[in-house]
Every structure is written in C-alpha cells, then in structure tokens.
C-alpha cells in the first residue's frame, strides 16, 4: 500500500479511507448475517431439507455470532456476551473458512 508509487499524500489518504470503509462495511455484513441467523435454530440447518452436518451448522452459527460480537465492539466498545479477556473473535471464522480460503 505504501511504496514509492504511493508517495503522494492525497493518494495515501485515499487508500486509507478505502481500507477503513471496507472495515466499516464488513461490520454491516456481520449485522445482516446476525439478523438472518437469529431467526433460525440449529435444527433448521440440520434437519431436512438442508440436512447439514451438525458440526458444520454449529461452526457457521458460531462464526456469525463472533462476527456480530466483533461488530458490536466496533460500534459500541462492548460485546454483551461478556467474552473473557483474550477471546479470539476470528478463531470461529477460521474454522468456517478453512486454512486456504482467501
């Protein structure tokens, strides 16, 4: 991002603004996922017609919950789930995404 080609101050501001906007927009996506997942139960995913593997379904819901918790931290500074100090919000998402997802 910051190299000889980007030594212009205005360009640096533009790139930083774009990166921060992407982070902000990801919080909105996390909220949409949370709204969707809060209207379903684990059995909605594991029972027919979806018949999803229970571990996969739980991983999806956990990843969504942690993404939402992170969005709450972004917006309010707190996660009402009262997660312990050192809680790694990205761990559940890494399970869903797998080691090679980019």
PDB file of N, CA and C in Angstrom:
ATOM      1  N   UNK A   1       0.819  -1.183   0.000  1.00  0.00           N
ATOM      2  CA  UNK A   1       0.000   0.000   0.000  1.00  0.00           C
ATOM      3  C   UNK A   1       0.865   1.250   0.000  1.00  0.00           C
ATOM      4  N   UNK A   2       1.884   1.256   0.829  1.00  0.00           N
ATOM      5  CA  UNK A   2       2.726   2.437   0.936  1.00  0.00           C
ATOM      6  C   UNK A   2       4.107   2.131   0.374  1.00  0.00           C
ATOM      7  N   UNK A   3       4.324   2.527  -0.857  1.00  0.00           N
ATOM      8  CA  UNK A   3       5.608   2.337  -1.521  1.00  0.00           C
ATOM      9  C   UNK A   3       5.893   3.568  -2.366  1.00  0.00           C
ATOM     10  N   UNK A   4       6.927   3.495  -3.182  1.00  0.00           N
ATOM     11  CA  UNK A   4       7.325   4.653  -3.987  1.00  0.00           C
ATOM     12  C   UNK A   4       6.204   5.137  -4.901  1.00  0.00           C
ATOM     13  N   UNK A   5       5.376   4.210  -5.369  1.00  0.00           N
ATOM     14  CA  UNK A   5       4.272   4.600  -6.243  1.00  0.00           C
ATOM     15  C   UNK A   5       3.183   5.346  -5.483  1.00  0.00           C
ATOM     16  N   UNK A   6       3.144   5.170  -4.194  1.00  0.00           N
ATOM     17  CA  UNK A   6       2.105   5.795  -3.380  1.00  0.00           C
ATOM     18  C   UNK A   6       2.678   6.856  -2.447  1.00  0.00           C
ATOM     19  N   UNK A   7       3.641   7.607  -2.914  1.00  0.00           N
ATOM     20  CA  UNK A   7       4.280   8.596  -2.058  1.00  0.00           C
ATOM     21  C   UNK A   7       3.530   9.926  -2.049  1.00  0.00           C
ATOM     22  N   UNK A   8       2.422   9.994  -2.756  1.00  0.00           N
ATOM     23  CA  UNK A   8       1.595  11.185  -2.798  1.00  0.00           C
ATOM     24  C   UNK A   8       0.682  11.192  -1.576  1.00  0.00           C
ATOM     25  N   UNK A   9       0.682  12.285  -0.815  1.00  0.00           N
ATOM     26  CA  UNK A   9      -0.115  12.363   0.400  1.00  0.00           C
ATOM     27  C   UNK A   9      -1.591  12.148   0.155  1.00  0.00           C
ATOM     28  N   UNK A  10      -2.123  12.737  -0.901  1.00  0.00           N
ATOM     29  CA  UNK A  10      -3.550  12.585  -1.203  1.00  0.00           C
ATOM     30  C   UNK A  10      -3.883  11.137  -1.539  1.00  0.00           C
ATOM     31  N   UNK A  11      -2.985  10.448  -2.229  1.00  0.00           N
ATOM     32  CA  UNK A  11      -3.224   9.043  -2.571  1.00  0.00           C
ATOM     33  C   UNK A  11      -3.195   8.169  -1.324  1.00  0.00           C
ATOM     34  N   UNK A  12      -2.306   8.481  -0.410  1.00  0.00           N
ATOM     35  CA  UNK A  12      -2.255   7.732   0.848  1.00  0.00           C
ATOM     36  C   UNK A  12      -3.559   7.912   1.616  1.00  0.00           C
ATOM     37  N   UNK A  13      -4.053   9.148   1.692  1.00  0.00           N
ATOM     38  CA  UNK A  13      -5.326   9.400   2.367  1.00  0.00           C
ATOM     39  C   UNK A  13      -6.440   8.598   1.698  1.00  0.00           C
ATOM     40  N   UNK A  14      -6.476   8.598   0.378  1.00  0.00           N
ATOM     41  CA  UNK A  14      -7.498   7.867  -0.363  1.00  0.00           C
ATOM     42  C   UNK A  14      -7.435   6.373  -0.068  1.00  0.00           C
ATOM     43  N   UNK A  15      -6.238   5.796  -0.055  1.00  0.00           N
ATOM     44  CA  UNK A  15      -6.097   4.362   0.208  1.00  0.00           C
ATOM     45  C   UNK A  15      -6.497   4.006   1.637  1.00  0.00           C
ATOM     46  N   UNK A  16      -6.121   4.843   2.590  1.00  0.00           N
ATOM     47  CA  UNK A  16      -6.501   4.587   3.977  1.00  0.00           C
ATOM     48  C   UNK A  16      -8.022   4.703   4.131  1.00  0.00           C
ATOM     49  N   UNK A  17      -8.613   5.716   3.519  1.00  0.00           N
ATOM     50  CA  UNK A  17     -10.063   5.854   3.584  1.00  0.00           C
ATOM     51  C   UNK A  17     -10.755   4.631   2.992  1.00  0.00           C
ATOM     52  N   UNK A  18     -10.263   4.136   1.876  1.00  0.00           N
ATOM     53  CA  UNK A  18     -10.862   2.957   1.248  1.00  0.00           C
ATOM     54  C   UNK A  18     -10.759   1.738   2.166  1.00  0.00           C
ATOM     55  N   UNK A  19      -9.604   1.543   2.768  1.00  0.00           N
ATOM     56  CA  UNK A  19      -9.423   0.403   3.669  1.00  0.00           C
ATOM     57  C   UNK A  19     -10.345   0.517   4.882  1.00  0.00           C
ATOM     58  N   UNK A  20     -10.459   1.711   5.446  1.00  0.00           N
ATOM     59  CA  UNK A  20     -11.343   1.900   6.601  1.00  0.00           C
ATOM     60  C   UNK A  20     -12.809   1.719   6.224  1.00  0.00           C
ATOM     61  N   UNK A  21     -13.187   2.135   5.029  1.00  0.00           N
ATOM     62  CA  UNK A  21     -14.561   1.930   4.559  1.00  0.00           C
ATOM     63  C   UNK A  21     -14.860   0.437   4.406  1.00  0.00           C
ATOM     64  N   UNK A  22     -13.891  -0.335   3.942  1.00  0.00           N
ATOM     65  CA  UNK A  22     -14.081  -1.786   3.813  1.00  0.00           C
ATOM     66  C   UNK A  22     -14.279  -2.429   5.180  1.00  0.00           C
ATOM     67  N   UNK A  23     -13.531  -1.976   6.168  1.00  0.00           N
ATOM     68  CA  UNK A  23     -13.692  -2.490   7.530  1.00  0.00           C
ATOM     69  C   UNK A  23     -15.073  -2.118   8.054  1.00  0.00           C
ATOM     70  N   UNK A  24     -15.499  -0.890   7.852  1.00  0.00           N
ATOM     71  CA  UNK A  24     -16.841  -0.465   8.272  1.00  0.00           C
ATOM     72  C   UNK A  24     -17.923  -1.288   7.586  1.00  0.00           C
ATOM     73  N   UNK A  25     -17.782  -1.485   6.285  1.00  0.00           N
ATOM     74  CA  UNK A  25     -18.781  -2.242   5.526  1.00  0.00           C
ATOM     75  C   UNK A  25     -18.854  -3.698   5.978  1.00  0.00           C
ATOM     76  N   UNK A  26     -17.734  -4.252   6.415  1.00  0.00           N
ATOM     77  CA  UNK A  26     -17.741  -5.626   6.921  1.00  0.00           C
ATOM     78  C   UNK A  26     -18.585  -5.729   8.189  1.00  0.00           C
ATOM     79  N   UNK A  27     -18.627  -4.670   8.982  1.00  0.00           N
ATOM     80  CA  UNK A  27     -19.454  -4.680  10.190  1.00  0.00           C
ATOM     81  C   UNK A  27     -20.936  -4.738   9.827  1.00  0.00           C
ATOM     82  N   UNK A  28     -21.302  -4.053   8.764  1.00  0.00           N
ATOM     83  CA  UNK A  28     -22.691  -4.080   8.289  1.00  0.00           C
ATOM     84  C   UNK A  28     -23.051  -5.498   7.840  1.00  0.00           C
ATOM     85  N   UNK A  29     -22.143  -6.148   7.126  1.00  0.00           N
ATOM     86  CA  UNK A  29     -22.376  -7.520   6.680  1.00  0.00           C
ATOM     87  C   UNK A  29     -22.547  -8.443   7.883  1.00  0.00           C
ATOM     88  N   UNK A  30     -21.729  -8.258   8.905  1.00  0.00           N
ATOM     89  CA  UNK A  30     -21.845  -9.081  10.117  1.00  0.00           C
ATOM     90  C   UNK A  30     -23.221  -8.912  10.751  1.00  0.00           C
ATOM     91  N   UNK A  31     -23.743  -7.709  10.746  1.00  0.00           N
ATOM     92  CA  UNK A  31     -25.072  -7.471  11.317  1.00  0.00           C
ATOM     93  C   UNK A  31     -26.157  -8.148  10.489  1.00  0.00           C
ATOM     94  N   UNK A  32     -26.034  -8.110   9.170  1.00  0.00           N
ATOM     95  CA  UNK A  32     -27.001  -8.799   8.310  1.00  0.00           C
ATOM     96  C   UNK A  32     -26.972 -10.306   8.564  1.00  0.00           C
ATOM     97  N   UNK A  33     -25.770 -10.879   8.678  1.00  0.00           N
ATOM     98  CA  UNK A  33     -25.665 -12.302   8.986  1.00  0.00           C
ATOM     99  C   UNK A  33     -26.319 -12.622  10.325  1.00  0.00           C
ATOM    100  N   UNK A  34     -26.079 -11.776  11.308  1.00  0.00           N
ATOM    101  CA  UNK A  34     -26.666 -11.989  12.627  1.00  0.00           C
ATOM    102  C   UNK A  34     -28.186 -11.941  12.564  1.00  0.00           C
ATOM    103  N   UNK A  35     -28.723 -10.970  11.842  1.00  0.00           N
ATOM    104  CA  UNK A  35     -30.182 -10.872  11.717  1.00  0.00           C
ATOM    105  C   UNK A  35     -30.753 -12.149  11.107  1.00  0.00           C
ATOM    106  N   UNK A  36     -30.085 -12.662  10.090  1.00  0.00           N
ATOM    107  CA  UNK A  36     -30.547 -13.904   9.462  1.00  0.00           C
ATOM    108  C   UNK A  36     -30.453 -15.066  10.442  1.00  0.00           C
ATOM    109  N   UNK A  37     -29.299 -15.203  11.088  1.00  0.00           N
ATOM    110  CA  UNK A  37     -29.093 -16.372  11.952  1.00  0.00           C
ATOM    111  C   UNK A  37     -29.939 -16.321  13.212  1.00  0.00           C
ATOM    112  N   UNK A  38     -30.320 -15.141  13.656  1.00  0.00           N
ATOM    113  CA  UNK A  38     -31.131 -15.066  14.868  1.00  0.00           C
ATOM    114  C   UNK A  38     -32.563 -15.527  14.618  1.00  0.00           C
ATOM    115  N   UNK A  39     -32.920 -15.684  13.358  1.00  0.00           N
ATOM    116  CA  UNK A  39     -34.275 -16.140  13.022  1.00  0.00           C
ATOM    117  C   UNK A  39     -34.328 -17.644  12.771  1.00  0.00           C
ATOM    118  N   UNK A  40     -33.203 -18.338  12.965  1.00  0.00           N
ATOM    119  CA  UNK A  40     -33.177 -19.777  12.732  1.00  0.00           C
ATOM    120  C   UNK A  40     -32.615 -20.506  13.948  1.00  0.00           C
ATOM    121  N   UNK A  41     -32.933 -21.765  14.041  1.00  0.00           N
ATOM    122  CA  UNK A  41     -32.382 -22.636  15.084  1.00  0.00           C
ATOM    123  C   UNK A  41     -31.391 -23.602  14.429  1.00  0.00           C
ATOM    124  N   UNK A  42     -30.567 -24.194  15.243  1.00  0.00           N
ATOM    125  CA  UNK A  42     -29.613 -25.178  14.740  1.00  0.00           C
ATOM    126  C   UNK A  42     -30.334 -26.270  13.950  1.00  0.00           C
ATOM    127  N   UNK A  43     -31.486 -26.682  14.442  1.00  0.00           N
ATOM    128  CA  UNK A  43     -32.229 -27.748  13.757  1.00  0.00           C
ATOM    129  C   UNK A  43     -32.756 -27.314  12.388  1.00  0.00           C
ATOM    130  N   UNK A  44     -32.929 -26.018  12.180  1.00  0.00           N
ATOM    131  CA  UNK A  44     -33.332 -25.545  10.849  1.00  0.00           C
ATOM    132  C   UNK A  44     -32.262 -25.872   9.814  1.00  0.00           C
ATOM    133  N   UNK A  45     -31.030 -25.918  10.274  1.00  0.00           N
ATOM    134  CA  UNK A  45     -29.926 -26.244   9.371  1.00  0.00           C
ATOM    135  C   UNK A  45     -29.671 -27.747   9.283  1.00  0.00           C
ATOM    136  N   UNK A  46     -29.873 -28.435  10.401  1.00  0.00           N
ATOM    137  CA  UNK A  46     -29.501 -29.863  10.438  1.00  0.00           C
ATOM    138  C   UNK A  46     -30.621 -30.803  10.010  1.00  0.00           C
ATOM    139  N   UNK A  47     -31.853 -30.374  10.160  1.00  0.00           N
ATOM    140  CA  UNK A  47     -32.978 -31.215   9.750  1.00  0.00           C
ATOM    141  C   UNK A  47     -33.240 -31.048   8.251  1.00  0.00           C
ATOM    142  N   UNK A  48     -33.956 -32.016   7.647  1.00  0.00           N
ATOM    143  CA  UNK A  48     -34.331 -31.856   6.237  1.00  0.00           C
ATOM    144  C   UNK A  48     -35.145 -30.565   6.059  1.00  0.00           C
ATOM    145  N   UNK A  49     -35.057 -29.892   4.975  1.00  0.00           N
ATOM    146  CA  UNK A  49     -34.423 -30.333   3.729  1.00  0.00           C
ATOM    147  C   UNK A  49     -32.929 -30.035   3.652  1.00  0.00           C
ATOM    148  N   UNK A  50     -32.390 -29.215   4.567  1.00  0.00           N
ATOM    149  CA  UNK A  50     -30.966 -28.872   4.457  1.00  0.00           C
ATOM    150  C   UNK A  50     -30.062 -30.017   4.881  1.00  0.00           C
ATOM    151  N   UNK A  51     -30.412 -30.690   5.970  1.00  0.00           N
ATOM    152  CA  UNK A  51     -29.651 -31.842   6.478  1.00  0.00           C
ATOM    153  C   UNK A  51     -28.151 -31.570   6.562  1.00  0.00           C
ATOM    154  N   UNK A  52     -27.811 -30.410   7.074  1.00  0.00           N
ATOM    155  CA  UNK A  52     -26.408 -30.027   7.218  1.00  0.00           C
ATOM    156  C   UNK A  52     -25.773 -30.807   8.365  1.00  0.00           C
ATOM    157  N   UNK A  53     -24.515 -31.130   8.229  1.00  0.00           N
ATOM    158  CA  UNK A  53     -23.773 -31.763   9.307  1.00  0.00           C
ATOM    159  C   UNK A  53     -23.873 -30.871  10.549  1.00  0.00           C
ATOM    160  N   UNK A  54     -24.198 -31.430  11.723  1.00  0.00           N
ATOM    161  CA  UNK A  54     -24.359 -30.610  12.923  1.00  0.00           C
ATOM    162  C   UNK A  54     -23.113 -29.795  13.288  1.00  0.00           C
ATOM    163  N   UNK A  55     -21.942 -30.368  13.107  1.00  0.00           N
ATOM    164  CA  UNK A  55     -20.717 -29.622  13.415  1.00  0.00           C
ATOM    165  C   UNK A  55     -20.546 -28.439  12.475  1.00  0.00           C
ATOM    166  N   UNK A  56     -20.871 -28.633  11.214  1.00  0.00           N
ATOM    167  CA  UNK A  56     -20.780 -27.550  10.238  1.00  0.00           C
ATOM    168  C   UNK A  56     -21.787 -26.455  10.571  1.00  0.00           C
ATOM    169  N   UNK A  57     -23.010 -26.866  10.872  1.00  0.00           N
ATOM    170  CA  UNK A  57     -24.046 -25.893  11.207  1.00  0.00           C
ATOM    171  C   UNK A  57     -23.658 -25.082  12.439  1.00  0.00           C
ATOM    172  N   UNK A  58     -23.146 -25.763  13.461  1.00  0.00           N
ATOM    173  CA  UNK A  58     -22.734 -25.051  14.674  1.00  0.00           C
ATOM    174  C   UNK A  58     -21.564 -24.121  14.392  1.00  0.00           C
ATOM    175  N   UNK A  59     -20.633 -24.554  13.558  1.00  0.00           N
ATOM    176  CA  UNK A  59     -19.498 -23.700  13.197  1.00  0.00           C
ATOM    177  C   UNK A  59     -19.976 -22.440  12.488  1.00  0.00           C
ATOM    178  N   UNK A  60     -20.945 -22.574  11.592  1.00  0.00           N
ATOM    179  CA  UNK A  60     -21.492 -21.404  10.896  1.00  0.00           C
ATOM    180  C   UNK A  60     -22.118 -20.431  11.887  1.00  0.00           C
ATOM    181  N   UNK A  61     -22.948 -20.946  12.769  1.00  0.00           N
ATOM    182  CA  UNK A  61     -23.615 -20.076  13.737  1.00  0.00           C
ATOM    183  C   UNK A  61     -22.622 -19.429  14.698  1.00  0.00           C
ATOM    184  N   UNK A  62     -21.605 -20.166  15.097  1.00  0.00           N
ATOM    185  CA  UNK A  62     -20.580 -19.595  15.979  1.00  0.00           C
ATOM    186  C   UNK A  62     -19.787 -18.510  15.269  1.00  0.00           C
ATOM    187  N   UNK A  63     -19.429 -18.765  14.028  1.00  0.00           N
ATOM    188  CA  UNK A  63     -18.695 -17.762  13.250  1.00  0.00           C
ATOM    189  C   UNK A  63     -19.502 -16.488  13.087  1.00  0.00           C
ATOM    190  N   UNK A  64     -20.792 -16.651  12.820  1.00  0.00           N
ATOM    191  CA  UNK A  64     -21.672 -15.486  12.674  1.00  0.00           C
ATOM    192  C   UNK A  64     -21.784 -14.738  14.000  1.00  0.00           C
ATOM    193  N   UNK A  65     -21.951 -15.466  15.094  1.00  0.00           N
ATOM    194  CA  UNK A  65     -22.074 -14.830  16.410  1.00  0.00           C
ATOM    195  C   UNK A  65     -20.813 -14.045  16.759  1.00  0.00           C
ATOM    196  N   UNK A  66     -19.658 -14.614  16.468  1.00  0.00           N
ATOM    197  CA  UNK A  66     -18.421 -13.904  16.775  1.00  0.00           C
ATOM    198  C   UNK A  66     -18.216 -12.700  15.859  1.00  0.00           C
ATOM    199  N   UNK A  67     -18.619 -12.817  14.605  1.00  0.00           N
ATOM    200  CA  UNK A  67     -18.529 -11.662  13.703  1.00  0.00           C
ATOM    201  C   UNK A  67     -19.430 -10.538  14.208  1.00  0.00           C
ATOM    202  N   UNK A  68     -20.607 -10.906  14.691  1.00  0.00           N
ATOM    203  CA  UNK A  68     -21.513  -9.900  15.240  1.00  0.00           C
ATOM    204  C   UNK A  68     -20.944  -9.293  16.522  1.00  0.00           C
ATOM    205  N   UNK A  69     -20.380 -10.133  17.383  1.00  0.00           N
ATOM    206  CA  UNK A  69     -19.743  -9.609  18.592  1.00  0.00           C
ATOM    207  C   UNK A  69     -18.645  -8.618  18.263  1.00  0.00           C
ATOM    208  N   UNK A  70     -17.874  -8.920  17.245  1.00  0.00           N
ATOM    209  CA  UNK A  70     -16.815  -8.010  16.811  1.00  0.00           C
ATOM    210  C   UNK A  70     -17.409  -6.713  16.274  1.00  0.00           C
ATOM    211  N   UNK A  71     -18.527  -6.810  15.564  1.00  0.00           N
ATOM    212  CA  UNK A  71     -19.168  -5.593  15.057  1.00  0.00           C
ATOM    213  C   UNK A  71     -19.708  -4.738  16.201  1.00  0.00           C
ATOM    214  N   UNK A  72     -20.171  -5.394  17.271  1.00  0.00           N
ATOM    215  CA  UNK A  72     -20.618  -4.636  18.438  1.00  0.00           C
ATOM    216  C   UNK A  72     -19.439  -3.926  19.107  1.00  0.00           C
ATOM    217  N   UNK A  73     -18.314  -4.591  19.173  1.00  0.00           N
ATOM    218  CA  UNK A  73     -17.117  -3.926  19.698  1.00  0.00           C
ATOM    219  C   UNK A  73     -16.764  -2.710  18.856  1.00  0.00           C
ATOM    220  N   UNK A  74     -16.868  -2.866  17.559  1.00  0.00           N
ATOM    221  CA  UNK A  74     -16.566  -1.778  16.626  1.00  0.00           C
ATOM    222  C   UNK A  74     -17.495  -0.589  16.871  1.00  0.00           C
ATOM    223  N   UNK A  75     -18.788  -0.873  17.052  1.00  0.00           N
ATOM    224  CA  UNK A  75     -19.779   0.195  17.180  1.00  0.00           C
ATOM    225  C   UNK A  75     -19.941   0.739  18.588  1.00  0.00           C
ATOM    226  N   UNK A  76     -19.849  -0.144  19.592  1.00  0.00           N
ATOM    227  CA  UNK A  76     -20.192   0.278  20.958  1.00  0.00           C
ATOM    228  C   UNK A  76     -19.057   0.120  21.965  1.00  0.00           C
ATOM    229  N   UNK A  77     -18.047  -0.651  21.616  1.00  0.00           N
ATOM    230  CA  UNK A  77     -16.950  -0.882  22.539  1.00  0.00           C
ATOM    231  C   UNK A  77     -17.176  -2.043  23.490  1.00  0.00           C
ATOM    232  N   UNK A  78     -18.334  -2.700  23.383  1.00  0.00           N
ATOM    233  CA  UNK A  78     -18.611  -3.838  24.255  1.00  0.00           C
ATOM    234  C   UNK A  78     -19.275  -4.967  23.472  1.00  0.00           C
ATOM    235  N   UNK A  79     -19.085  -6.168  23.979  1.00  0.00           N
ATOM    236  CA  UNK A  79     -19.777  -7.344  23.463  1.00  0.00           C
ATOM    237  C   UNK A  79     -20.610  -7.859  24.627  1.00  0.00           C
ATOM    238  N   UNK A  80     -21.930  -7.752  24.542  1.00  0.00           N
ATOM    239  CA  UNK A  80     -22.771  -8.116  25.683  1.00  0.00           C
ATOM    240  C   UNK A  80     -22.692  -9.587  26.081  1.00  0.00           C
ATOM    241  N   UNK A  81     -22.039 -10.412  25.259  1.00  0.00           N
ATOM    242  CA  UNK A  81     -21.878 -11.815  25.656  1.00  0.00           C
ATOM    243  C   UNK A  81     -20.840 -11.964  26.762  1.00  0.00           C
ATOM    244  N   UNK A  82     -20.136 -10.879  27.081  1.00  0.00           N
ATOM    245  CA  UNK A  82     -19.122 -10.887  28.138  1.00  0.00           C
ATOM    246  C   UNK A  82     -18.072 -11.968  27.927  1.00  0.00           C
ATOM    247  N   UNK A  83     -17.478 -11.955  26.761  1.00  0.00           N
ATOM    248  CA  UNK A  83     -16.430 -12.929  26.465  1.00  0.00           C
ATOM    249  C   UNK A  83     -15.211 -12.636  27.329  1.00  0.00           C
ATOM    250  N   UNK A  84     -14.429 -13.651  27.647  1.00  0.00           N
ATOM    251  CA  UNK A  84     -13.272 -13.439  28.523  1.00  0.00           C
ATOM    252  C   UNK A  84     -12.170 -12.632  27.836  1.00  0.00           C
ATOM    253  N   UNK A  85     -11.322 -12.048  28.643  1.00  0.00           N
ATOM    254  CA  UNK A  85     -10.169 -11.331  28.109  1.00  0.00           C
ATOM    255  C   UNK A  85      -9.348 -12.276  27.238  1.00  0.00           C
ATOM    256  N   UNK A  86      -8.868 -11.778  26.145  1.00  0.00           N
ATOM    257  CA  UNK A  86      -8.071 -12.591  25.247  1.00  0.00           C
ATOM    258  C   UNK A  86      -8.890 -13.432  24.281  1.00  0.00           C
ATOM    259  N   UNK A  87     -10.201 -13.252  24.267  1.00  0.00           N
ATOM    260  CA  UNK A  87     -11.060 -14.013  23.361  1.00  0.00           C
ATOM    261  C   UNK A  87     -10.684 -13.690  21.922  1.00  0.00           C
ATOM    262  N   UNK A  88     -10.538 -14.705  21.105  1.00  0.00           N
ATOM    263  CA  UNK A  88     -10.125 -14.526  19.707  1.00  0.00           C
ATOM    264  C   UNK A  88     -11.362 -14.645  18.827  1.00  0.00           C
ATOM    265  N   UNK A  89     -11.876 -13.521  18.395  1.00  0.00           N
ATOM    266  CA  UNK A  89     -13.096 -13.492  17.593  1.00  0.00           C
ATOM    267  C   UNK A  89     -12.922 -14.190  16.245  1.00  0.00           C
ATOM    268  N   UNK A  90     -11.744 -14.146  15.697  1.00  0.00           N
ATOM    269  CA  UNK A  90     -11.516 -14.739  14.384  1.00  0.00           C
ATOM    270  C   UNK A  90     -11.378 -16.248  14.392  1.00  0.00           C
ATOM    271  N   UNK A  91     -11.223 -16.860  15.546  1.00  0.00           N
ATOM    272  CA  UNK A  91     -10.993 -18.309  15.590  1.00  0.00           C
ATOM    273  C   UNK A  91     -12.169 -19.084  14.994  1.00  0.00           C
ATOM    274  N   UNK A  92     -13.384 -18.687  15.324  1.00  0.00           N
ATOM    275  CA  UNK A  92     -14.548 -19.416  14.796  1.00  0.00           C
ATOM    276  C   UNK A  92     -14.696 -19.205  13.295  1.00  0.00           C
ATOM    277  N   UNK A  93     -14.325 -18.036  12.817  1.00  0.00           N
ATOM    278  CA  UNK A  93     -14.409 -17.786  11.378  1.00  0.00           C
ATOM    279  C   UNK A  93     -13.358 -18.574  10.615  1.00  0.00           C
ATOM    280  N   UNK A  94     -12.207 -18.745  11.215  1.00  0.00           N
ATOM    281  CA  UNK A  94     -11.154 -19.538  10.571  1.00  0.00           C
ATOM    282  C   UNK A  94     -11.579 -20.994  10.427  1.00  0.00           C
ATOM    283  N   UNK A  95     -12.380 -21.486  11.360  1.00  0.00           N
ATOM    284  CA  UNK A  95     -12.897 -22.863  11.252  1.00  0.00           C
ATOM    285  C   UNK A  95     -13.815 -22.972  10.039  1.00  0.00           C
ATOM    286  N   UNK A  96     -14.695 -21.985   9.870  1.00  0.00           N
ATOM    287  CA  UNK A  96     -15.632 -21.996   8.741  1.00  0.00           C
ATOM    288  C   UNK A  96     -14.894 -21.800   7.414  1.00  0.00           C
ATOM    289  N   UNK A  97     -13.960 -20.875   7.395  1.00  0.00           N
ATOM    290  CA  UNK A  97     -13.271 -20.541   6.146  1.00  0.00           C
ATOM    291  C   UNK A  97     -12.244 -21.575   5.738  1.00  0.00           C
ATOM    292  N   UNK A  98     -11.655 -22.235   6.700  1.00  0.00           N
ATOM    293  CA  UNK A  98     -10.607 -23.201   6.382  1.00  0.00           C
ATOM    294  C   UNK A  98      -9.276 -22.519   6.151  1.00  0.00           C
ATOM    295  N   UNK A  99      -8.212 -23.286   6.118  1.00  0.00           N
ATOM    296  CA  UNK A  99      -6.866 -22.716   6.065  1.00  0.00           C
ATOM    297  C   UNK A  99      -6.496 -22.075   4.726  1.00  0.00           C
ATOM    298  N   UNK A 100      -7.203 -22.399   3.669  1.00  0.00           N
ATOM    299  CA  UNK A 100      -6.791 -21.905   2.354  1.00  0.00           C
ATOM    300  C   UNK A 100      -7.730 -20.855   1.771  1.00  0.00           C
ATOM    301  N   UNK A 101      -8.790 -20.477   2.500  1.00  0.00           N
ATOM    302  CA  UNK A 101      -9.745 -19.505   1.973  1.00  0.00           C
ATOM    303  C   UNK A 101      -9.124 -18.117   1.938  1.00  0.00           C
ATOM    304  N   UNK A 102      -9.318 -17.432   0.836  1.00  0.00           N
ATOM    305  CA  UNK A 102      -8.801 -16.043   0.743  1.00  0.00           C
ATOM    306  C   UNK A 102      -9.857 -15.141   0.213  1.00  0.00           C
TER     307      UNK A 102
END
